[in-house]
Amino acid sequence: MLSNIGVPGLILILTLALIIFGPKKLPEIGRAFGQTLKEFKKSTRELTSDITDDIAEDIKEIKKEL
């Protein structure tokens, strides 16, 4: 989705954000967005790890039964 924006589109979005939010508020918004992405990635990794561990345990139980 973001790969279709291109450089001109990105410049337009950044310019509009600067006009709407102003130069003082923009870094705060960027920081908040970055923290949100960081938390999302962390949660995704934890969920993936939990699922992988559960699958590994299930495989071990199946092997014991055989």
PDB file of N, CA and C in Angstrom:
ATOM      1  N   MET A   1       0.829  -1.196   0.000  1.00  0.00           N
ATOM      2  CA  MET A   1       0.000   0.000   0.000  1.00  0.00           C
ATOM      3  C   MET A   1       0.872   1.257   0.000  1.00  0.00           C
ATOM      4  N   LEU A   2       1.831   1.324   0.904  1.00  0.00           N
ATOM      5  CA  LEU A   2       2.673   2.515   0.983  1.00  0.00           C
ATOM      6  C   LEU A   2       3.668   2.598  -0.163  1.00  0.00           C
ATOM      7  N   SER A   3       3.947   1.483  -0.815  1.00  0.00           N
ATOM      8  CA  SER A   3       4.900   1.504  -1.911  1.00  0.00           C
ATOM      9  C   SER A   3       4.339   2.229  -3.138  1.00  0.00           C
ATOM     10  N   ASN A   4       3.029   2.409  -3.198  1.00  0.00           N
ATOM     11  CA  ASN A   4       2.412   3.079  -4.335  1.00  0.00           C
ATOM     12  C   ASN A   4       2.374   4.604  -4.185  1.00  0.00           C
ATOM     13  N   ILE A   5       2.735   5.127  -3.020  1.00  0.00           N
ATOM     14  CA  ILE A   5       2.650   6.568  -2.783  1.00  0.00           C
ATOM     15  C   ILE A   5       3.714   7.310  -3.587  1.00  0.00           C
ATOM     16  N   GLY A   6       4.945   6.895  -3.490  1.00  0.00           N
ATOM     17  CA  GLY A   6       6.032   7.552  -4.204  1.00  0.00           C
ATOM     18  C   GLY A   6       6.517   8.791  -3.468  1.00  0.00           C
ATOM     19  N   VAL A   7       7.590   9.357  -3.962  1.00  0.00           N
ATOM     20  CA  VAL A   7       8.209  10.520  -3.330  1.00  0.00           C
ATOM     21  C   VAL A   7       7.318  11.766  -3.404  1.00  0.00           C
ATOM     22  N   PRO A   8       6.713  12.095  -4.547  1.00  0.00           N
ATOM     23  CA  PRO A   8       5.858  13.291  -4.589  1.00  0.00           C
ATOM     24  C   PRO A   8       4.656  13.194  -3.637  1.00  0.00           C
ATOM     25  N   GLY A   9       4.073  12.027  -3.554  1.00  0.00           N
ATOM     26  CA  GLY A   9       2.940  11.831  -2.648  1.00  0.00           C
ATOM     27  C   GLY A   9       3.356  11.964  -1.195  1.00  0.00           C
ATOM     28  N   LEU A  10       4.531  11.425  -0.868  1.00  0.00           N
ATOM     29  CA  LEU A  10       5.044  11.529   0.497  1.00  0.00           C
ATOM     30  C   LEU A  10       5.334  12.974   0.869  1.00  0.00           C
ATOM     31  N   ILE A  11       5.906  13.724  -0.046  1.00  0.00           N
ATOM     32  CA  ILE A  11       6.181  15.146   0.199  1.00  0.00           C
ATOM     33  C   ILE A  11       4.872  15.904   0.411  1.00  0.00           C
ATOM     34  N   LEU A  12       3.860  15.592  -0.379  1.00  0.00           N
ATOM     35  CA  LEU A  12       2.558  16.235  -0.231  1.00  0.00           C
ATOM     36  C   LEU A  12       1.939  15.924   1.133  1.00  0.00           C
ATOM     37  N   ILE A  13       2.004  14.676   1.553  1.00  0.00           N
ATOM     38  CA  ILE A  13       1.451  14.284   2.856  1.00  0.00           C
ATOM     39  C   ILE A  13       2.193  14.994   3.983  1.00  0.00           C
ATOM     40  N   LEU A  14       3.516  15.031   3.925  1.00  0.00           N
ATOM     41  CA  LEU A  14       4.297  15.705   4.969  1.00  0.00           C
ATOM     42  C   LEU A  14       4.010  17.206   5.005  1.00  0.00           C
ATOM     43  N   THR A  15       3.848  17.817   3.842  1.00  0.00           N
ATOM     44  CA  THR A  15       3.528  19.252   3.782  1.00  0.00           C
ATOM     45  C   THR A  15       2.159  19.519   4.386  1.00  0.00           C
ATOM     46  N   LEU A  16       1.183  18.701   4.054  1.00  0.00           N
ATOM     47  CA  LEU A  16      -0.155  18.871   4.631  1.00  0.00           C
ATOM     48  C   LEU A  16      -0.142  18.673   6.145  1.00  0.00           C
ATOM     49  N   ALA A  17       0.599  17.681   6.616  1.00  0.00           N
ATOM     50  CA  ALA A  17       0.697  17.454   8.055  1.00  0.00           C
ATOM     51  C   ALA A  17       1.349  18.643   8.743  1.00  0.00           C
ATOM     52  N   LEU A  18       2.367  19.216   8.125  1.00  0.00           N
ATOM     53  CA  LEU A  18       3.035  20.384   8.695  1.00  0.00           C
ATOM     54  C   LEU A  18       2.090  21.574   8.766  1.00  0.00           C
ATOM     55  N   ILE A  19       1.274  21.751   7.737  1.00  0.00           N
ATOM     56  CA  ILE A  19       0.322  22.863   7.721  1.00  0.00           C
ATOM     57  C   ILE A  19      -0.773  22.651   8.756  1.00  0.00           C
ATOM     58  N   ILE A  20      -1.291  21.427   8.836  1.00  0.00           N
ATOM     59  CA  ILE A  20      -2.408  21.152   9.750  1.00  0.00           C
ATOM     60  C   ILE A  20      -1.973  21.178  11.208  1.00  0.00           C
ATOM     61  N   PHE A  21      -0.869  20.501  11.544  1.00  0.00           N
ATOM     62  CA  PHE A  21      -0.477  20.348  12.939  1.00  0.00           C
ATOM     63  C   PHE A  21       0.549  21.371  13.410  1.00  0.00           C
ATOM     64  N   GLY A  22       1.286  21.954  12.515  1.00  0.00           N
ATOM     65  CA  GLY A  22       2.293  22.936  12.898  1.00  0.00           C
ATOM     66  C   GLY A  22       3.614  22.284  13.248  1.00  0.00           C
ATOM     67  N   PRO A  23       4.681  23.077  13.239  1.00  0.00           N
ATOM     68  CA  PRO A  23       6.020  22.520  13.461  1.00  0.00           C
ATOM     69  C   PRO A  23       6.270  22.048  14.889  1.00  0.00           C
ATOM     70  N   LYS A  24       5.530  22.573  15.873  1.00  0.00           N
ATOM     71  CA  LYS A  24       5.761  22.164  17.263  1.00  0.00           C
ATOM     72  C   LYS A  24       5.080  20.835  17.587  1.00  0.00           C
ATOM     73  N   LYS A  25       3.941  20.585  17.006  1.00  0.00           N
ATOM     74  CA  LYS A  25       3.167  19.389  17.320  1.00  0.00           C
ATOM     75  C   LYS A  25       3.608  18.180  16.492  1.00  0.00           C
ATOM     76  N   LEU A  26       4.186  18.408  15.334  1.00  0.00           N
ATOM     77  CA  LEU A  26       4.547  17.316  14.427  1.00  0.00           C
ATOM     78  C   LEU A  26       5.545  16.315  15.033  1.00  0.00           C
ATOM     79  N   PRO A  27       6.615  16.745  15.720  1.00  0.00           N
ATOM     80  CA  PRO A  27       7.524  15.755  16.334  1.00  0.00           C
ATOM     81  C   PRO A  27       6.839  14.895  17.395  1.00  0.00           C
ATOM     82  N   GLU A  28       5.911  15.487  18.146  1.00  0.00           N
ATOM     83  CA  GLU A  28       5.187  14.721  19.160  1.00  0.00           C
ATOM     84  C   GLU A  28       4.327  13.643  18.496  1.00  0.00           C
ATOM     85  N   ILE A  29       3.691  13.993  17.400  1.00  0.00           N
ATOM     86  CA  ILE A  29       2.853  13.039  16.673  1.00  0.00           C
ATOM     87  C   ILE A  29       3.720  11.917  16.098  1.00  0.00           C
ATOM     88  N   GLY A  30       4.860  12.274  15.549  1.00  0.00           N
ATOM     89  CA  GLY A  30       5.778  11.274  15.006  1.00  0.00           C
ATOM     90  C   GLY A  30       6.289  10.328  16.074  1.00  0.00           C
ATOM     91  N   ARG A  31       6.617  10.875  17.245  1.00  0.00           N
ATOM     92  CA  ARG A  31       7.093  10.066  18.360  1.00  0.00           C
ATOM     93  C   ARG A  31       6.011   9.094  18.820  1.00  0.00           C
ATOM     94  N   ALA A  32       4.793   9.588  18.943  1.00  0.00           N
ATOM     95  CA  ALA A  32       3.675   8.742  19.358  1.00  0.00           C
ATOM     96  C   ALA A  32       3.418   7.637  18.334  1.00  0.00           C
ATOM     97  N   PHE A  33       3.500   7.977  17.057  1.00  0.00           N
ATOM     98  CA  PHE A  33       3.301   6.987  16.000  1.00  0.00           C
ATOM     99  C   PHE A  33       4.395   5.919  16.060  1.00  0.00           C
ATOM    100  N   GLY A  34       5.627   6.350  16.295  1.00  0.00           N
ATOM    101  CA  GLY A  34       6.746   5.412  16.407  1.00  0.00           C
ATOM    102  C   GLY A  34       6.583   4.464  17.581  1.00  0.00           C
ATOM    103  N   GLN A  35       6.147   4.998  18.725  1.00  0.00           N
ATOM    104  CA  GLN A  35       5.927   4.149  19.895  1.00  0.00           C
ATOM    105  C   GLN A  35       4.791   3.163  19.651  1.00  0.00           C
ATOM    106  N   THR A  36       3.763   3.601  18.960  1.00  0.00           N
ATOM    107  CA  THR A  36       2.649   2.718  18.638  1.00  0.00           C
ATOM    108  C   THR A  36       3.108   1.575  17.750  1.00  0.00           C
ATOM    109  N   LEU A  37       3.903   1.888  16.734  1.00  0.00           N
ATOM    110  CA  LEU A  37       4.431   0.836  15.861  1.00  0.00           C
ATOM    111  C   LEU A  37       5.327  -0.133  16.626  1.00  0.00           C
ATOM    112  N   LYS A  38       6.141   0.404  17.535  1.00  0.00           N
ATOM    113  CA  LYS A  38       7.038  -0.430  18.334  1.00  0.00           C
ATOM    114  C   LYS A  38       6.234  -1.405  19.195  1.00  0.00           C
ATOM    115  N   GLU A  39       5.185  -0.918  19.843  1.00  0.00           N
ATOM    116  CA  GLU A  39       4.333  -1.774  20.669  1.00  0.00           C
ATOM    117  C   GLU A  39       3.632  -2.835  19.815  1.00  0.00           C
ATOM    118  N   PHE A  40       3.160  -2.438  18.640  1.00  0.00           N
ATOM    119  CA  PHE A  40       2.480  -3.378  17.750  1.00  0.00           C
ATOM    120  C   PHE A  40       3.423  -4.495  17.324  1.00  0.00           C
ATOM    121  N   LYS A  41       4.652  -4.130  16.939  1.00  0.00           N
ATOM    122  CA  LYS A  41       5.631  -5.137  16.529  1.00  0.00           C
ATOM    123  C   LYS A  41       5.968  -6.075  17.684  1.00  0.00           C
ATOM    124  N   LYS A  42       6.102  -5.527  18.886  1.00  0.00           N
ATOM    125  CA  LYS A  42       6.405  -6.331  20.067  1.00  0.00           C
ATOM    126  C   LYS A  42       5.278  -7.323  20.341  1.00  0.00           C
ATOM    127  N   SER A  43       4.048  -6.860  20.267  1.00  0.00           N
ATOM    128  CA  SER A  43       2.897  -7.735  20.493  1.00  0.00           C
ATOM    129  C   SER A  43       2.817  -8.822  19.435  1.00  0.00           C
ATOM    130  N   THR A  44       3.102  -8.460  18.200  1.00  0.00           N
ATOM    131  CA  THR A  44       3.073  -9.432  17.121  1.00  0.00           C
ATOM    132  C   THR A  44       4.134 -10.505  17.324  1.00  0.00           C
ATOM    133  N   ARG A  45       5.331 -10.090  17.722  1.00  0.00           N
ATOM    134  CA  ARG A  45       6.403 -11.058  17.981  1.00  0.00           C
ATOM    135  C   ARG A  45       6.031 -12.003  19.120  1.00  0.00           C
ATOM    136  N   GLU A  46       5.460 -11.450  20.195  1.00  0.00           N
ATOM    137  CA  GLU A  46       5.071 -12.279  21.337  1.00  0.00           C
ATOM    138  C   GLU A  46       3.983 -13.276  20.946  1.00  0.00           C
ATOM    139  N   LEU A  47       3.012 -12.832  20.178  1.00  0.00           N
ATOM    140  CA  LEU A  47       1.937 -13.719  19.738  1.00  0.00           C
ATOM    141  C   LEU A  47       2.485 -14.832  18.844  1.00  0.00           C
ATOM    142  N   THR A  48       3.362 -14.474  17.926  1.00  0.00           N
ATOM    143  CA  THR A  48       3.969 -15.464  17.042  1.00  0.00           C
ATOM    144  C   THR A  48       4.785 -16.471  17.844  1.00  0.00           C
ATOM    145  N   SER A  49       5.516 -15.980  18.825  1.00  0.00           N
ATOM    146  CA  SER A  49       6.326 -16.854  19.671  1.00  0.00           C
ATOM    147  C   SER A  49       5.441 -17.814  20.457  1.00  0.00           C
ATOM    148  N   ASP A  50       4.352 -17.318  21.011  1.00  0.00           N
ATOM    149  CA  ASP A  50       3.429 -18.170  21.769  1.00  0.00           C
ATOM    150  C   ASP A  50       2.838 -19.261  20.888  1.00  0.00           C
ATOM    151  N   ILE A  51       2.429 -18.898  19.697  1.00  0.00           N
ATOM    152  CA  ILE A  51       1.840 -19.877  18.777  1.00  0.00           C
ATOM    153  C   ILE A  51       2.886 -20.917  18.378  1.00  0.00           C
ATOM    154  N   THR A  52       4.095 -20.478  18.098  1.00  0.00           N
ATOM    155  CA  THR A  52       5.168 -21.399  17.720  1.00  0.00           C
ATOM    156  C   THR A  52       5.468 -22.364  18.859  1.00  0.00           C
ATOM    157  N   ASP A  53       5.515 -21.857  20.086  1.00  0.00           N
ATOM    158  CA  ASP A  53       5.759 -22.716  21.245  1.00  0.00           C
ATOM    159  C   ASP A  53       4.647 -23.745  21.416  1.00  0.00           C
ATOM    160  N   ASP A  54       3.400 -23.320  21.252  1.00  0.00           N
ATOM    161  CA  ASP A  54       2.267 -24.243  21.369  1.00  0.00           C
ATOM    162  C   ASP A  54       2.335 -25.336  20.309  1.00  0.00           C
ATOM    163  N   ILE A  55       2.679 -24.969  19.100  1.00  0.00           N
ATOM    164  CA  ILE A  55       2.787 -25.954  18.022  1.00  0.00           C
ATOM    165  C   ILE A  55       3.918 -26.937  18.322  1.00  0.00           C
ATOM    166  N   ALA A  56       5.040 -26.438  18.834  1.00  0.00           N
ATOM    167  CA  ALA A  56       6.167 -27.309  19.171  1.00  0.00           C
ATOM    168  C   ALA A  56       5.775 -28.298  20.270  1.00  0.00           C
ATOM    169  N   GLU A  57       5.027 -27.836  21.267  1.00  0.00           N
ATOM    170  CA  GLU A  57       4.570 -28.726  22.339  1.00  0.00           C
ATOM    171  C   GLU A  57       3.620 -29.786  21.791  1.00  0.00           C
ATOM    172  N   ASP A  58       2.728 -29.384  20.897  1.00  0.00           N
ATOM    173  CA  ASP A  58       1.793 -30.331  20.296  1.00  0.00           C
ATOM    174  C   ASP A  58       2.530 -31.398  19.494  1.00  0.00           C
ATOM    175  N   ILE A  59       3.558 -30.996  18.773  1.00  0.00           N
ATOM    176  CA  ILE A  59       4.340 -31.948  17.986  1.00  0.00           C
ATOM    177  C   ILE A  59       5.048 -32.933  18.904  1.00  0.00           C
ATOM    178  N   LYS A  60       5.591 -32.440  20.019  1.00  0.00           N
ATOM    179  CA  LYS A  60       6.256 -33.341  20.970  1.00  0.00           C
ATOM    180  C   LYS A  60       5.272 -34.352  21.543  1.00  0.00           C
ATOM    181  N   GLU A  61       4.058 -33.906  21.870  1.00  0.00           N
ATOM    182  CA  GLU A  61       3.051 -34.823  22.413  1.00  0.00           C
ATOM    183  C   GLU A  61       2.651 -35.877  21.388  1.00  0.00           C
ATOM    184  N   ILE A  62       2.524 -35.458  20.138  1.00  0.00           N
ATOM    185  CA  ILE A  62       2.156 -36.401  19.077  1.00  0.00           C
ATOM    186  C   ILE A  62       3.262 -37.441  18.893  1.00  0.00           C
ATOM    187  N   LYS A  63       4.508 -37.008  18.945  1.00  0.00           N
ATOM    188  CA  LYS A  63       5.632 -37.931  18.787  1.00  0.00           C
ATOM    189  C   LYS A  63       5.686 -38.932  19.933  1.00  0.00           C
ATOM    190  N   LYS A  64       5.350 -38.485  21.154  1.00  0.00           N
ATOM    191  CA  LYS A  64       5.347 -39.389  22.313  1.00  0.00           C
ATOM    192  C   LYS A  64       4.263 -40.443  22.153  1.00  0.00           C
ATOM    193  N   GLU A  65       3.137 -40.067  21.585  1.00  0.00           N
ATOM    194  CA  GLU A  65       2.029 -41.001  21.414  1.00  0.00           C
ATOM    195  C   GLU A  65       2.347 -42.067  20.371  1.00  0.00           C
ATOM    196  N   LEU A  66       3.203 -41.691  19.418  1.00  0.00           N
ATOM    197  CA  LEU A  66       3.530 -42.655  18.363  1.00  0.00           C
ATOM    198  C   LEU A  66       4.587 -43.566  18.883  1.00  0.00           C
TER     199      LEU A  66
END
